Amino acid sequence: MILRMRVDGTAQPGPDYAGRSEPGRLFEVTAHDRAAATPAGAADGSTALRALAVGGIGAGTVLLAVLGVWTVLARRRAEAQ
């Protein structure tokens, strides 16, 4: 399926909305939110979380490598028989 579009004319402002959104101030960032946010998204105790992340990624990589080698060996054994 191919979708071809052509846009003509000049840009126009978006629609005006009737009324306010409910509940009000739902998406505002408060002073508490700003204080809770840390630079670059790092949290206290980030060393443990980083170690967990590295261990998880490392274990997943090793598992995929083992499964890849196992698959290759199984195919070679099947061809030899």
Protein backbone atom coordinates (compact mmCIF):
# COMPACT_ATOMS: atom_id res chain seq x y z
CA MET A 1 0.00 0.00 0.00
CA ILE A 2 1.32 3.42 -0.93
CA LEU A 3 -0.05 6.63 0.50
CA ARG A 4 0.75 9.80 -1.39
CA MET A 5 -0.16 13.18 0.02
CA ARG A 6 0.16 16.71 -1.22
CA VAL A 7 -0.24 19.68 1.07
CA ASP A 8 -1.23 22.97 -0.53
CA GLY A 9 -1.91 26.38 0.94
CA THR A 10 -0.54 28.19 3.94
CA ALA A 11 -0.31 27.06 7.54
CA GLN A 12 -3.27 27.95 9.72
CA PRO A 13 -3.59 28.06 13.50
CA GLY A 14 -4.99 25.07 15.36
CA PRO A 15 -8.54 24.87 16.60
CA ASP A 16 -9.81 26.86 19.56
CA TYR A 17 -11.05 24.72 22.42
CA ALA A 18 -14.25 25.41 24.28
CA GLY A 19 -13.72 25.35 28.02
CA ARG A 20 -10.90 24.00 30.17
CA SER A 21 -9.59 20.47 30.48
CA GLU A 22 -10.73 18.47 33.47
CA PRO A 23 -9.14 17.83 35.89
CA GLY A 24 -7.33 21.14 35.72
CA ARG A 25 -3.55 21.37 36.10
CA LEU A 26 -3.16 17.68 35.30
CA PHE A 27 0.02 18.06 33.26
CA GLU A 28 1.75 20.85 35.17
CA VAL A 29 5.18 20.25 36.70
CA THR A 30 5.16 21.17 40.38
CA ALA A 31 8.02 22.31 42.58
CA HIS A 32 7.95 18.88 44.23
CA ASP A 33 8.34 17.23 40.79
CA ARG A 34 11.31 19.45 40.00
CA ALA A 35 12.96 18.66 43.35
CA ALA A 36 12.41 14.92 42.87
CA ALA A 37 13.97 14.96 39.40
CA THR A 38 17.72 14.44 39.37
CA PRO A 39 20.21 15.40 36.66
CA ALA A 40 20.33 12.97 33.74
CA GLY A 41 17.73 10.73 35.37
CA ALA A 42 20.18 9.27 37.88
CA ALA A 43 18.70 8.14 41.18
CA ASP A 44 20.21 7.53 44.60
CA GLY A 45 21.70 4.05 44.79
CA SER A 46 22.28 4.09 41.05
CA THR A 47 25.40 1.92 41.43
CA ALA A 48 23.28 -1.08 42.39
CA LEU A 49 20.84 -0.43 39.56
CA ARG A 50 23.67 -0.08 37.06
CA ALA A 51 25.20 -3.34 38.27
CA LEU A 52 21.82 -5.03 37.91
CA ALA A 53 21.39 -3.64 34.40
CA VAL A 54 24.89 -4.67 33.31
CA GLY A 55 24.41 -8.12 34.80
CA GLY A 56 21.06 -8.56 33.07
CA ILE A 57 22.36 -7.42 29.71
CA GLY A 58 25.47 -9.56 30.10
CA ALA A 59 23.46 -12.64 31.06
CA GLY A 60 21.14 -12.12 28.10
CA THR A 61 24.09 -11.77 25.74
CA VAL A 62 25.71 -14.94 27.05
CA LEU A 63 22.41 -16.81 26.77
CA LEU A 64 21.96 -15.75 23.15
CA ALA A 65 25.55 -16.74 22.33
CA VAL A 66 25.08 -20.18 23.92
CA LEU A 67 21.80 -20.72 22.05
CA GLY A 68 23.45 -19.65 18.78
CA VAL A 69 26.34 -22.08 19.23
CA TRP A 70 23.94 -24.85 20.23
CA THR A 71 21.85 -24.25 17.09
CA VAL A 72 24.91 -24.29 14.82
CA LEU A 73 26.22 -27.51 16.41
CA ALA A 74 22.80 -29.18 16.13
CA ARG A 75 22.60 -28.33 12.43
CA ARG A 76 26.10 -29.64 11.78
CA ARG A 77 25.33 -32.88 13.59
CA ALA A 78 22.11 -33.29 11.59
CA GLU A 79 24.02 -32.80 8.32
CA ALA A 80 26.69 -35.33 9.32
CA GLN A 81 24.18 -38.11 9.94
